[in-house]
Amino acid sequence: RFTISRDNAKNTVYLQMNSLKPEDTAVYYCNVKILFENHWGQGT
C-alpha cells in the first residue's frame, strides 16, 4: 500500500500512501541518519 522513495539531489524522502485505512491514523515522522546521528522531523 505504501511506497517510500528518495531524491538524493534534493535531499528529500517521500512516502506515497495508498488504500489508506482508519488504523493508519497517526502522526508521521521523518527520520534521517547522517554519520552516526539520528535526526527527526516535527511530524505531520
PDB file of all heavy atoms in Angstrom:
ATOM      1  N   ARG A   1       0.819  -1.222   0.000  1.00  0.00           N
ATOM      2  CA  ARG A   1       0.000   0.000   0.000  1.00  0.00           C
ATOM      3  C   ARG A   1       0.849   1.266   0.000  1.00  0.00           C
ATOM      4  O   ARG A   1       0.478   2.265  -0.608  1.00  0.00           O
ATOM      5  CB  ARG A   1      -0.921   0.019   1.225  1.00  0.00           C
ATOM      6  CG  ARG A   1      -1.883  -1.143   1.293  1.00  0.00           C
ATOM      7  CD  ARG A   1      -2.912  -0.971   2.425  1.00  0.00           C
ATOM      8  NE  ARG A   1      -2.282  -0.883   3.742  1.00  0.00           N
ATOM      9  CZ  ARG A   1      -2.437   0.138   4.570  1.00  0.00           C
ATOM     10  NH1 ARG A   1      -3.165   1.185   4.211  1.00  0.00           N
ATOM     11  NH2 ARG A   1      -1.861   0.123   5.756  1.00  0.00           N
ATOM     12  N   PHE A   2       1.975   1.229   0.704  1.00  0.00           N
ATOM     13  CA  PHE A   2       2.841   2.405   0.818  1.00  0.00           C
ATOM     14  C   PHE A   2       4.114   2.178   0.014  1.00  0.00           C
ATOM     15  O   PHE A   2       4.613   1.056  -0.082  1.00  0.00           O
ATOM     16  CB  PHE A   2       3.232   2.650   2.277  1.00  0.00           C
ATOM     17  CG  PHE A   2       2.114   3.104   3.173  1.00  0.00           C
ATOM     18  CD1 PHE A   2       0.786   3.099   2.762  1.00  0.00           C
ATOM     19  CD2 PHE A   2       2.406   3.542   4.455  1.00  0.00           C
ATOM     20  CE1 PHE A   2      -0.239   3.517   3.605  1.00  0.00           C
ATOM     21  CE2 PHE A   2       1.402   3.957   5.314  1.00  0.00           C
ATOM     22  CZ  PHE A   2       0.083   3.944   4.884  1.00  0.00           C
ATOM     23  N   THR A   3       4.652   3.275  -0.524  1.00  0.00           N
ATOM     24  CA  THR A   3       5.919   3.227  -1.248  1.00  0.00           C
ATOM     25  C   THR A   3       6.810   4.364  -0.788  1.00  0.00           C
ATOM     26  O   THR A   3       6.403   5.528  -0.822  1.00  0.00           O
ATOM     27  CB  THR A   3       5.699   3.339  -2.762  1.00  0.00           C
ATOM     28  OG1 THR A   3       4.841   2.284  -3.197  1.00  0.00           O
ATOM     29  CG2 THR A   3       7.032   3.233  -3.497  1.00  0.00           C
ATOM     30  N   ILE A   4       8.017   4.015  -0.367  1.00  0.00           N
ATOM     31  CA  ILE A   4       8.993   5.032   0.020  1.00  0.00           C
ATOM     32  C   ILE A   4       9.967   5.248  -1.133  1.00  0.00           C
ATOM     33  O   ILE A   4      10.334   4.298  -1.840  1.00  0.00           O
ATOM     34  CB  ILE A   4       9.736   4.624   1.309  1.00  0.00           C
ATOM     35  CG1 ILE A   4      10.587   5.792   1.838  1.00  0.00           C
ATOM     36  CG2 ILE A   4      10.567   3.364   1.115  1.00  0.00           C
ATOM     37  CD1 ILE A   4      11.166   5.551   3.230  1.00  0.00           C
ATOM     38  N   SER A   5      10.363   6.496  -1.327  1.00  0.00           N
ATOM     39  CA  SER A   5      11.344   6.813  -2.355  1.00  0.00           C
ATOM     40  C   SER A   5      12.152   8.022  -1.896  1.00  0.00           C
ATOM     41  O   SER A   5      11.776   8.707  -0.948  1.00  0.00           O
ATOM     42  CB  SER A   5      10.649   7.094  -3.696  1.00  0.00           C
ATOM     43  OG  SER A   5       9.782   8.208  -3.578  1.00  0.00           O
ATOM     44  N   ARG A   6      13.252   8.268  -2.583  1.00  0.00           N
ATOM     45  CA  ARG A   6      14.091   9.408  -2.211  1.00  0.00           C
ATOM     46  C   ARG A   6      14.679  10.048  -3.457  1.00  0.00           C
ATOM     47  O   ARG A   6      14.915   9.366  -4.469  1.00  0.00           O
ATOM     48  CB  ARG A   6      15.202   8.983  -1.244  1.00  0.00           C
ATOM     49  CG  ARG A   6      16.177   7.981  -1.788  1.00  0.00           C
ATOM     50  CD  ARG A   6      17.095   7.426  -0.680  1.00  0.00           C
ATOM     51  NE  ARG A   6      18.108   8.384  -0.258  1.00  0.00           N
ATOM     52  CZ  ARG A   6      18.918   8.188   0.777  1.00  0.00           C
ATOM     53  NH1 ARG A   6      18.808   7.086   1.509  1.00  0.00           N
ATOM     54  NH2 ARG A   6      19.831   9.107   1.093  1.00  0.00           N
ATOM     55  N   ASP A   7      14.923  11.344  -3.355  1.00  0.00           N
ATOM     56  CA  ASP A   7      15.589  12.100  -4.402  1.00  0.00           C
ATOM     57  C   ASP A   7      16.862  12.647  -3.774  1.00  0.00           C
ATOM     58  O   ASP A   7      16.821  13.628  -3.023  1.00  0.00           O
ATOM     59  CB  ASP A   7      14.687  13.231  -4.906  1.00  0.00           C
ATOM     60  CG  ASP A   7      15.284  13.990  -6.080  1.00  0.00           C
ATOM     61  OD1 ASP A   7      16.529  14.050  -6.185  1.00  0.00           O
ATOM     62  OD2 ASP A   7      14.514  14.551  -6.869  1.00  0.00           O
ATOM     63  N   ASN A   8      17.986  12.021  -4.058  1.00  0.00           N
ATOM     64  CA  ASN A   8      19.231  12.406  -3.400  1.00  0.00           C
ATOM     65  C   ASN A   8      19.694  13.796  -3.820  1.00  0.00           C
ATOM     66  O   ASN A   8      20.342  14.495  -3.047  1.00  0.00           O
ATOM     67  CB  ASN A   8      20.318  11.379  -3.699  1.00  0.00           C
ATOM     68  CG  ASN A   8      20.039  10.049  -3.022  1.00  0.00           C
ATOM     69  OD1 ASN A   8      19.462   9.994  -1.924  1.00  0.00           O
ATOM     70  ND2 ASN A   8      20.424   8.955  -3.660  1.00  0.00           N
ATOM     71  N   ALA A   9      19.364  14.195  -5.022  1.00  0.00           N
ATOM     72  CA  ALA A   9      19.761  15.532  -5.485  1.00  0.00           C
ATOM     73  C   ALA A   9      19.036  16.616  -4.698  1.00  0.00           C
ATOM     74  O   ALA A   9      19.562  17.718  -4.526  1.00  0.00           O
ATOM     75  CB  ALA A   9      19.470  15.672  -6.973  1.00  0.00           C
ATOM     76  N   LYS A  10      17.833  16.292  -4.229  1.00  0.00           N
ATOM     77  CA  LYS A  10      17.044  17.263  -3.473  1.00  0.00           C
ATOM     78  C   LYS A  10      17.064  16.991  -1.970  1.00  0.00           C
ATOM     79  O   LYS A  10      16.414  17.706  -1.212  1.00  0.00           O
ATOM     80  CB  LYS A  10      15.599  17.244  -3.958  1.00  0.00           C
ATOM     81  CG  LYS A  10      15.413  17.693  -5.394  1.00  0.00           C
ATOM     82  CD  LYS A  10      13.937  17.670  -5.794  1.00  0.00           C
ATOM     83  CE  LYS A  10      13.746  18.144  -7.224  1.00  0.00           C
ATOM     84  NZ  LYS A  10      12.306  18.121  -7.620  1.00  0.00           N
ATOM     85  N   ASN A  11      17.791  15.939  -1.561  1.00  0.00           N
ATOM     86  CA  ASN A  11      17.805  15.558  -0.132  1.00  0.00           C
ATOM     87  C   ASN A  11      16.384  15.423   0.416  1.00  0.00           C
ATOM     88  O   ASN A  11      16.070  15.926   1.504  1.00  0.00           O
ATOM     89  CB  ASN A  11      18.602  16.565   0.703  1.00  0.00           C
ATOM     90  CG  ASN A  11      20.098  16.392   0.541  1.00  0.00           C
ATOM     91  OD1 ASN A  11      20.572  15.371   0.041  1.00  0.00           O
ATOM     92  ND2 ASN A  11      20.854  17.384   0.949  1.00  0.00           N
ATOM     93  N   THR A  12      15.550  14.740  -0.328  1.00  0.00           N
ATOM     94  CA  THR A  12      14.141  14.628   0.023  1.00  0.00           C
ATOM     95  C   THR A  12      13.707  13.168  -0.010  1.00  0.00           C
ATOM     96  O   THR A  12      14.115  12.422  -0.910  1.00  0.00           O
ATOM     97  CB  THR A  12      13.272  15.453  -0.929  1.00  0.00           C
ATOM     98  OG1 THR A  12      13.665  16.834  -0.844  1.00  0.00           O
ATOM     99  CG2 THR A  12      11.796  15.347  -0.570  1.00  0.00           C
ATOM    100  N   VAL A  13      12.893  12.802   0.966  1.00  0.00           N
ATOM    101  CA  VAL A  13      12.318  11.465   1.001  1.00  0.00           C
ATOM    102  C   VAL A  13      10.801  11.597   0.931  1.00  0.00           C
ATOM    103  O   VAL A  13      10.227  12.556   1.471  1.00  0.00           O
ATOM    104  CB  VAL A  13      12.759  10.683   2.258  1.00  0.00           C
ATOM    105  CG1 VAL A  13      12.330  11.396   3.533  1.00  0.00           C
ATOM    106  CG2 VAL A  13      12.271   9.253   2.230  1.00  0.00           C
ATOM    107  N   TYR A  14      10.178  10.649   0.268  1.00  0.00           N
ATOM    108  CA  TYR A  14       8.736  10.670   0.056  1.00  0.00           C
ATOM    109  C   TYR A  14       8.103   9.390   0.601  1.00  0.00           C
ATOM    110  O   TYR A  14       8.747   8.343   0.658  1.00  0.00           O
ATOM    111  CB  TYR A  14       8.404  10.791  -1.435  1.00  0.00           C
ATOM    112  CG  TYR A  14       9.064  11.949  -2.129  1.00  0.00           C
ATOM    113  CD1 TYR A  14      10.256  11.778  -2.821  1.00  0.00           C
ATOM    114  CD2 TYR A  14       8.492  13.214  -2.096  1.00  0.00           C
ATOM    115  CE1 TYR A  14      10.874  12.839  -3.470  1.00  0.00           C
ATOM    116  CE2 TYR A  14       9.093  14.289  -2.743  1.00  0.00           C
ATOM    117  CZ  TYR A  14      10.290  14.095  -3.422  1.00  0.00           C
ATOM    118  OH  TYR A  14      10.890  15.151  -4.059  1.00  0.00           O
ATOM    119  N   LEU A  15       6.836   9.490   0.943  1.00  0.00           N
ATOM    120  CA  LEU A  15       6.054   8.317   1.299  1.00  0.00           C
ATOM    121  C   LEU A  15       4.708   8.420   0.586  1.00  0.00           C
ATOM    122  O   LEU A  15       3.886   9.266   0.944  1.00  0.00           O
ATOM    123  CB  LEU A  15       5.850   8.201   2.807  1.00  0.00           C
ATOM    124  CG  LEU A  15       5.154   6.926   3.263  1.00  0.00           C
ATOM    125  CD1 LEU A  15       6.044   5.704   3.017  1.00  0.00           C
ATOM    126  CD2 LEU A  15       4.761   6.993   4.743  1.00  0.00           C
ATOM    127  N   GLN A  16       4.524   7.595  -0.420  1.00  0.00           N
ATOM    128  CA  GLN A  16       3.246   7.515  -1.122  1.00  0.00           C
ATOM    129  C   GLN A  16       2.374   6.513  -0.386  1.00  0.00           C
ATOM    130  O   GLN A  16       2.746   5.339  -0.267  1.00  0.00           O
ATOM    131  CB  GLN A  16       3.448   7.084  -2.574  1.00  0.00           C
ATOM    132  CG  GLN A  16       2.158   6.937  -3.360  1.00  0.00           C
ATOM    133  CD  GLN A  16       1.434   8.260  -3.568  1.00  0.00           C
ATOM    134  OE1 GLN A  16       2.065   9.270  -3.883  1.00  0.00           O
ATOM    135  NE2 GLN A  16       0.127   8.260  -3.371  1.00  0.00           N
ATOM    136  N   MET A  17       1.245   6.969   0.096  1.00  0.00           N
ATOM    137  CA  MET A  17       0.345   6.131   0.892  1.00  0.00           C
ATOM    138  C   MET A  17      -0.961   5.947   0.122  1.00  0.00           C
ATOM    139  O   MET A  17      -1.684   6.929  -0.102  1.00  0.00           O
ATOM    140  CB  MET A  17       0.084   6.770   2.257  1.00  0.00           C
ATOM    141  CG  MET A  17       1.370   7.069   3.034  1.00  0.00           C
ATOM    142  SD  MET A  17       1.047   7.637   4.713  1.00  0.00           S
ATOM    143  CE  MET A  17       0.300   9.213   4.365  1.00  0.00           C
ATOM    144  N   ASN A  18      -1.238   4.723  -0.269  1.00  0.00           N
ATOM    145  CA  ASN A  18      -2.464   4.396  -1.000  1.00  0.00           C
ATOM    146  C   ASN A  18      -3.336   3.461  -0.162  1.00  0.00           C
ATOM    147  O   ASN A  18      -2.864   2.842   0.782  1.00  0.00           O
ATOM    148  CB  ASN A  18      -2.124   3.734  -2.334  1.00  0.00           C
ATOM    149  CG  ASN A  18      -1.334   4.634  -3.252  1.00  0.00           C
ATOM    150  OD1 ASN A  18      -1.472   5.862  -3.231  1.00  0.00           O
ATOM    151  ND2 ASN A  18      -0.483   4.031  -4.085  1.00  0.00           N
ATOM    152  N   SER A  19      -4.580   3.365  -0.560  1.00  0.00           N
ATOM    153  CA  SER A  19      -5.528   2.470   0.123  1.00  0.00           C
ATOM    154  C   SER A  19      -5.486   2.672   1.630  1.00  0.00           C
ATOM    155  O   SER A  19      -5.402   1.717   2.410  1.00  0.00           O
ATOM    156  CB  SER A  19      -5.214   0.999  -0.219  1.00  0.00           C
ATOM    157  OG  SER A  19      -5.260   0.786  -1.608  1.00  0.00           O
ATOM    158  N   LEU A  20      -5.553   3.908   2.033  1.00  0.00           N
ATOM    159  CA  LEU A  20      -5.422   4.239   3.450  1.00  0.00           C
ATOM    160  C   LEU A  20      -6.583   3.676   4.261  1.00  0.00           C
ATOM    161  O   LEU A  20      -7.735   3.632   3.791  1.00  0.00           O
ATOM    162  CB  LEU A  20      -5.313   5.747   3.628  1.00  0.00           C
ATOM    163  CG  LEU A  20      -3.921   6.309   3.308  1.00  0.00           C
ATOM    164  CD1 LEU A  20      -3.977   7.799   3.029  1.00  0.00           C
ATOM    165  CD2 LEU A  20      -2.969   6.024   4.464  1.00  0.00           C
ATOM    166  N   LYS A  21      -6.256   3.282   5.488  1.00  0.00           N
ATOM    167  CA  LYS A  21      -7.221   2.699   6.409  1.00  0.00           C
ATOM    168  C   LYS A  21      -7.307   3.565   7.675  1.00  0.00           C
ATOM    169  O   LYS A  21      -6.339   4.253   8.012  1.00  0.00           O
ATOM    170  CB  LYS A  21      -6.785   1.292   6.805  1.00  0.00           C
ATOM    171  CG  LYS A  21      -6.546   0.350   5.642  1.00  0.00           C
ATOM    172  CD  LYS A  21      -6.008  -0.990   6.132  1.00  0.00           C
ATOM    173  CE  LYS A  21      -5.739  -1.949   4.981  1.00  0.00           C
ATOM    174  NZ  LYS A  21      -5.206  -3.252   5.465  1.00  0.00           N
ATOM    175  N   PRO A  22      -8.417   3.484   8.384  1.00  0.00           N
ATOM    176  CA  PRO A  22      -8.510   4.262   9.646  1.00  0.00           C
ATOM    177  C   PRO A  22      -7.365   3.960  10.615  1.00  0.00           C
ATOM    178  O   PRO A  22      -6.904   4.858  11.322  1.00  0.00           O
ATOM    179  CB  PRO A  22      -9.859   3.822  10.209  1.00  0.00           C
ATOM    180  CG  PRO A  22     -10.662   3.482   8.996  1.00  0.00           C
ATOM    181  CD  PRO A  22      -9.694   2.860   8.043  1.00  0.00           C
ATOM    182  N   GLU A  23      -6.876   2.735  10.603  1.00  0.00           N
ATOM    183  CA  GLU A  23      -5.789   2.377  11.518  1.00  0.00           C
ATOM    184  C   GLU A  23      -4.445   2.974  11.110  1.00  0.00           C
ATOM    185  O   GLU A  23      -3.471   2.864  11.850  1.00  0.00           O
ATOM    186  CB  GLU A  23      -5.653   0.854  11.650  1.00  0.00           C
ATOM    187  CG  GLU A  23      -5.603   0.097  10.343  1.00  0.00           C
ATOM    188  CD  GLU A  23      -6.972  -0.430   9.920  1.00  0.00           C
ATOM    189  OE1 GLU A  23      -7.974   0.308  10.043  1.00  0.00           O
ATOM    190  OE2 GLU A  23      -7.018  -1.590   9.440  1.00  0.00           O
ATOM    191  N   ASP A  24      -4.382   3.612   9.949  1.00  0.00           N
ATOM    192  CA  ASP A  24      -3.169   4.341   9.556  1.00  0.00           C
ATOM    193  C   ASP A  24      -3.100   5.721  10.209  1.00  0.00           C
ATOM    194  O   ASP A  24      -2.075   6.408  10.097  1.00  0.00           O
ATOM    195  CB  ASP A  24      -3.113   4.513   8.033  1.00  0.00           C
ATOM    196  CG  ASP A  24      -2.983   3.203   7.292  1.00  0.00           C
ATOM    197  OD1 ASP A  24      -2.232   2.320   7.756  1.00  0.00           O
ATOM    198  OD2 ASP A  24      -3.633   3.049   6.234  1.00  0.00           O
ATOM    199  N   THR A  25      -4.181   6.121  10.866  1.00  0.00           N
ATOM    200  CA  THR A  25      -4.215   7.427  11.513  1.00  0.00           C
ATOM    201  C   THR A  25      -3.120   7.526  12.565  1.00  0.00           C
ATOM    202  O   THR A  25      -3.020   6.686  13.457  1.00  0.00           O
ATOM    203  CB  THR A  25      -5.586   7.667  12.167  1.00  0.00           C
ATOM    204  OG1 THR A  25      -6.586   7.729  11.145  1.00  0.00           O
ATOM    205  CG2 THR A  25      -5.588   8.965  12.960  1.00  0.00           C
ATOM    206  N   ALA A  26      -2.278   8.567  12.438  1.00  0.00           N
ATOM    207  CA  ALA A  26      -1.144   8.744  13.345  1.00  0.00           C
ATOM    208  C   ALA A  26      -0.417  10.027  12.959  1.00  0.00           C
ATOM    209  O   ALA A  26      -0.700  10.629  11.920  1.00  0.00           O
ATOM    210  CB  ALA A  26      -0.176   7.569  13.244  1.00  0.00           C
ATOM    211  N   VAL A  27       0.526  10.409  13.798  1.00  0.00           N
ATOM    212  CA  VAL A  27       1.494  11.434  13.415  1.00  0.00           C
ATOM    213  C   VAL A  27       2.660  10.711  12.751  1.00  0.00           C
ATOM    214  O   VAL A  27       3.196   9.747  13.310  1.00  0.00           O
ATOM    215  CB  VAL A  27       1.985  12.250  14.626  1.00  0.00           C
ATOM    216  CG1 VAL A  27       3.036  13.264  14.187  1.00  0.00           C
ATOM    217  CG2 VAL A  27       0.813  12.944  15.309  1.00  0.00           C
ATOM    218  N   TYR A  28       3.033  11.176  11.570  1.00  0.00           N
ATOM    219  CA  TYR A  28       4.114  10.563  10.812  1.00  0.00           C
ATOM    220  C   TYR A  28       5.365  11.432  10.909  1.00  0.00           C
ATOM    221  O   TYR A  28       5.311  12.645  10.651  1.00  0.00           O
ATOM    222  CB  TYR A  28       3.701  10.370   9.355  1.00  0.00           C
ATOM    223  CG  TYR A  28       2.757   9.208   9.184  1.00  0.00           C
ATOM    224  CD1 TYR A  28       1.436   9.284   9.640  1.00  0.00           C
ATOM    225  CD2 TYR A  28       3.176   8.011   8.600  1.00  0.00           C
ATOM    226  CE1 TYR A  28       0.573   8.211   9.527  1.00  0.00           C
ATOM    227  CE2 TYR A  28       2.315   6.933   8.476  1.00  0.00           C
ATOM    228  CZ  TYR A  28       1.023   7.039   8.941  1.00  0.00           C
ATOM    229  OH  TYR A  28       0.170   5.967   8.826  1.00  0.00           O
ATOM    230  N   TYR A  29       6.468  10.797  11.270  1.00  0.00           N
ATOM    231  CA  TYR A  29       7.740  11.492  11.474  1.00  0.00           C
ATOM    232  C   TYR A  29       8.772  11.022  10.451  1.00  0.00           C
ATOM    233  O   TYR A  29       8.945   9.819  10.229  1.00  0.00           O
ATOM    234  CB  TYR A  29       8.290  11.212  12.868  1.00  0.00           C
ATOM    235  CG  TYR A  29       7.444  11.744  13.996  1.00  0.00           C
ATOM    236  CD1 TYR A  29       6.464  10.955  14.576  1.00  0.00           C
ATOM    237  CD2 TYR A  29       7.635  13.026  14.491  1.00  0.00           C
ATOM    238  CE1 TYR A  29       5.680  11.431  15.622  1.00  0.00           C
ATOM    239  CE2 TYR A  29       6.869  13.512  15.534  1.00  0.00           C
ATOM    240  CZ  TYR A  29       5.893  12.705  16.090  1.00  0.00           C
ATOM    241  OH  TYR A  29       5.131  13.187  17.126  1.00  0.00           O
ATOM    242  N   CYS A  30       9.452  11.965   9.893  1.00  0.00           N
ATOM    243  CA  CYS A  30      10.581  11.679   9.013  1.00  0.00           C
ATOM    244  C   CYS A  30      11.840  11.483   9.871  1.00  0.00           C
ATOM    245  O   CYS A  30      12.024  12.181  10.882  1.00  0.00           O
ATOM    246  CB  CYS A  30      10.772  12.849   8.059  1.00  0.00           C
ATOM    247  SG  CYS A  30      12.215  12.751   7.006  1.00  0.00           S
ATOM    248  N   ASN A  31      12.672  10.547   9.480  1.00  0.00           N
ATOM    249  CA  ASN A  31      13.931  10.292  10.185  1.00  0.00           C
ATOM    250  C   ASN A  31      15.051  10.111   9.174  1.00  0.00           C
ATOM    251  O   ASN A  31      14.875   9.419   8.172  1.00  0.00           O
ATOM    252  CB  ASN A  31      13.799   9.035  11.040  1.00  0.00           C
ATOM    253  CG  ASN A  31      15.134   8.590  11.631  1.00  0.00           C
ATOM    254  OD1 ASN A  31      15.879   7.839  10.989  1.00  0.00           O
ATOM    255  ND2 ASN A  31      15.435   9.042  12.814  1.00  0.00           N
ATOM    256  N   VAL A  32      16.188  10.728   9.442  1.00  0.00           N
ATOM    257  CA  VAL A  32      17.353  10.503   8.592  1.00  0.00           C
ATOM    258  C   VAL A  32      18.567  10.229   9.479  1.00  0.00           C
ATOM    259  O   VAL A  32      18.657  10.732  10.605  1.00  0.00           O
ATOM    260  CB  VAL A  32      17.656  11.695   7.656  1.00  0.00           C
ATOM    261  CG1 VAL A  32      16.485  11.947   6.733  1.00  0.00           C
ATOM    262  CG2 VAL A  32      18.024  12.946   8.437  1.00  0.00           C
ATOM    263  N   LYS A  33      19.475   9.424   8.958  1.00  0.00           N
ATOM    264  CA  LYS A  33      20.714   9.122   9.655  1.00  0.00           C
ATOM    265  C   LYS A  33      21.878   9.743   8.888  1.00  0.00           C
ATOM    266  O   LYS A  33      22.052   9.454   7.698  1.00  0.00           O
ATOM    267  CB  LYS A  33      20.899   7.618   9.802  1.00  0.00           C
ATOM    268  CG  LYS A  33      19.894   6.996  10.748  1.00  0.00           C
ATOM    269  CD  LYS A  33      20.059   5.503  10.867  1.00  0.00           C
ATOM    270  CE  LYS A  33      19.155   4.896  11.919  1.00  0.00           C
ATOM    271  NZ  LYS A  33      17.734   5.173  11.681  1.00  0.00           N
ATOM    272  N   ILE A  34      22.619  10.571   9.565  1.00  0.00           N
ATOM    273  CA  ILE A  34      23.777  11.234   8.973  1.00  0.00           C
ATOM    274  C   ILE A  34      24.965  10.921   9.869  1.00  0.00           C
ATOM    275  O   ILE A  34      24.963  11.292  11.044  1.00  0.00           O
ATOM    276  CB  ILE A  34      23.548  12.749   8.861  1.00  0.00           C
ATOM    277  CG1 ILE A  34      22.322  13.029   7.978  1.00  0.00           C
ATOM    278  CG2 ILE A  34      24.787  13.434   8.295  1.00  0.00           C
ATOM    279  CD1 ILE A  34      21.914  14.476   7.936  1.00  0.00           C
ATOM    280  N   LEU A  35      25.956  10.258   9.289  1.00  0.00           N
ATOM    281  CA  LEU A  35      27.065   9.694  10.058  1.00  0.00           C
ATOM    282  C   LEU A  35      26.452   8.799  11.138  1.00  0.00           C
ATOM    283  O   LEU A  35      25.811   7.829  10.814  1.00  0.00           O
ATOM    284  CB  LEU A  35      27.934  10.810  10.641  1.00  0.00           C
ATOM    285  CG  LEU A  35      28.683  11.667   9.616  1.00  0.00           C
ATOM    286  CD1 LEU A  35      29.524  12.722  10.283  1.00  0.00           C
ATOM    287  CD2 LEU A  35      29.531  10.793   8.701  1.00  0.00           C
ATOM    288  N   PHE A  36      26.621   9.106  12.402  1.00  0.00           N
ATOM    289  CA  PHE A  36      26.081   8.255  13.455  1.00  0.00           C
ATOM    290  C   PHE A  36      24.938   8.914  14.211  1.00  0.00           C
ATOM    291  O   PHE A  36      24.555   8.459  15.282  1.00  0.00           O
ATOM    292  CB  PHE A  36      27.190   7.867  14.426  1.00  0.00           C
ATOM    293  CG  PHE A  36      28.316   7.134  13.762  1.00  0.00           C
ATOM    294  CD1 PHE A  36      29.522   7.763  13.514  1.00  0.00           C
ATOM    295  CD2 PHE A  36      28.157   5.816  13.351  1.00  0.00           C
ATOM    296  CE1 PHE A  36      30.559   7.098  12.880  1.00  0.00           C
ATOM    297  CE2 PHE A  36      29.185   5.134  12.726  1.00  0.00           C
ATOM    298  CZ  PHE A  36      30.392   5.779  12.486  1.00  0.00           C
ATOM    299  N   GLU A  37      24.368   9.953  13.640  1.00  0.00           N
ATOM    300  CA  GLU A  37      23.320  10.698  14.330  1.00  0.00           C
ATOM    301  C   GLU A  37      21.959  10.514  13.663  1.00  0.00           C
ATOM    302  O   GLU A  37      21.858  10.448  12.445  1.00  0.00           O
ATOM    303  CB  GLU A  37      23.669  12.189  14.367  1.00  0.00           C
ATOM    304  CG  GLU A  37      24.883  12.511  15.241  1.00  0.00           C
ATOM    305  CD  GLU A  37      25.088  14.001  15.381  1.00  0.00           C
ATOM    306  OE1 GLU A  37      24.388  14.761  14.686  1.00  0.00           O
ATOM    307  OE2 GLU A  37      25.941  14.412  16.180  1.00  0.00           O
ATOM    308  N   ASN A  38      20.932  10.455  14.494  1.00  0.00           N
ATOM    309  CA  ASN A  38      19.554  10.427  14.033  1.00  0.00           C
ATOM    310  C   ASN A  38      18.979  11.834  14.089  1.00  0.00           C
ATOM    311  O   ASN A  38      19.187  12.557  15.056  1.00  0.00           O
ATOM    312  CB  ASN A  38      18.697   9.550  14.947  1.00  0.00           C
ATOM    313  CG  ASN A  38      18.697   8.119  14.508  1.00  0.00           C
ATOM    314  OD1 ASN A  38      18.409   7.818  13.363  1.00  0.00           O
ATOM    315  ND2 ASN A  38      19.027   7.223  15.413  1.00  0.00           N
ATOM    316  N   HIS A  39      18.224  12.191  13.065  1.00  0.00           N
ATOM    317  CA  HIS A  39      17.565  13.485  13.022  1.00  0.00           C
ATOM    318  C   HIS A  39      16.095  13.252  12.713  1.00  0.00           C
ATOM    319  O   HIS A  39      15.758  12.425  11.854  1.00  0.00           O
ATOM    320  CB  HIS A  39      18.192  14.392  11.968  1.00  0.00           C
ATOM    321  CG  HIS A  39      19.638  14.667  12.198  1.00  0.00           C
ATOM    322  ND1 HIS A  39      20.098  15.737  12.954  1.00  0.00           N
ATOM    323  CD2 HIS A  39      20.749  13.987  11.787  1.00  0.00           C
ATOM    324  CE1 HIS A  39      21.413  15.706  12.987  1.00  0.00           C
ATOM    325  NE2 HIS A  39      21.834  14.667  12.303  1.00  0.00           N
ATOM    326  N   TRP A  40      15.227  14.011  13.396  1.00  0.00           N
ATOM    327  CA  TRP A  40      13.787  13.819  13.273  1.00  0.00           C
ATOM    328  C   TRP A  40      13.091  15.086  12.794  1.00  0.00           C
ATOM    329  O   TRP A  40      13.492  16.207  13.154  1.00  0.00           O
ATOM    330  CB  TRP A  40      13.193  13.436  14.623  1.00  0.00           C
ATOM    331  CG  TRP A  40      13.608  12.092  15.108  1.00  0.00           C
ATOM    332  CD1 TRP A  40      14.670  11.802  15.914  1.00  0.00           C
ATOM    333  CD2 TRP A  40      12.984  10.839  14.814  1.00  0.00           C
ATOM    334  NE1 TRP A  40      14.737  10.452  16.136  1.00  0.00           N
ATOM    335  CE2 TRP A  40      13.711   9.838  15.469  1.00  0.00           C
ATOM    336  CE3 TRP A  40      11.866  10.466  14.053  1.00  0.00           C
ATOM    337  CZ2 TRP A  40      13.364   8.477  15.406  1.00  0.00           C
ATOM    338  CZ3 TRP A  40      11.531   9.122  13.989  1.00  0.00           C
ATOM    339  CH2 TRP A  40      12.276   8.147  14.650  1.00  0.00           C
ATOM    340  N   GLY A  41      12.036  14.889  12.011  1.00  0.00           N
ATOM    341  CA  GLY A  41      11.178  15.994  11.651  1.00  0.00           C
ATOM    342  C   GLY A  41      10.195  16.278  12.766  1.00  0.00           C
ATOM    343  O   GLY A  41      10.146  15.573  13.779  1.00  0.00           O
ATOM    344  N   GLN A  42       9.384  17.308  12.557  1.00  0.00           N
ATOM    345  CA  GLN A  42       8.449  17.743  13.598  1.00  0.00           C
ATOM    346  C   GLN A  42       7.169  16.908  13.617  1.00  0.00           C
ATOM    347  O   GLN A  42       6.405  16.968  14.573  1.00  0.00           O
ATOM    348  CB  GLN A  42       8.099  19.227  13.398  1.00  0.00           C
ATOM    349  CG  GLN A  42       7.061  19.513  12.318  1.00  0.00           C
ATOM    350  CD  GLN A  42       7.613  19.430  10.909  1.00  0.00           C
ATOM    351  OE1 GLN A  42       8.794  19.168  10.679  1.00  0.00           O
ATOM    352  NE2 GLN A  42       6.744  19.691   9.929  1.00  0.00           N
ATOM    353  N   GLY A  43       6.956  16.131  12.572  1.00  0.00           N
ATOM    354  CA  GLY A  43       5.770  15.293  12.487  1.00  0.00           C
ATOM    355  C   GLY A  43       4.659  15.951  11.700  1.00  0.00           C
ATOM    356  O   GLY A  43       4.493  17.174  11.733  1.00  0.00           O
ATOM    357  N   THR A  44       3.905  15.131  10.993  1.00  0.00           N
ATOM    358  CA  THR A  44       2.749  15.610  10.253  1.00  0.00           C
ATOM    359  C   THR A  44       1.588  14.650  10.512  1.00  0.00           C
ATOM    360  O   THR A  44       1.761  13.428  10.475  1.00  0.00           O
ATOM    361  CB  THR A  44       3.056  15.734   8.745  1.00  0.00           C
ATOM    362  OG1 THR A  44       1.938  16.307   8.068  1.00  0.00           O
ATOM    363  CG2 THR A  44       3.397  14.396   8.108  1.00  0.00           C
TER     364      THR A  44
END
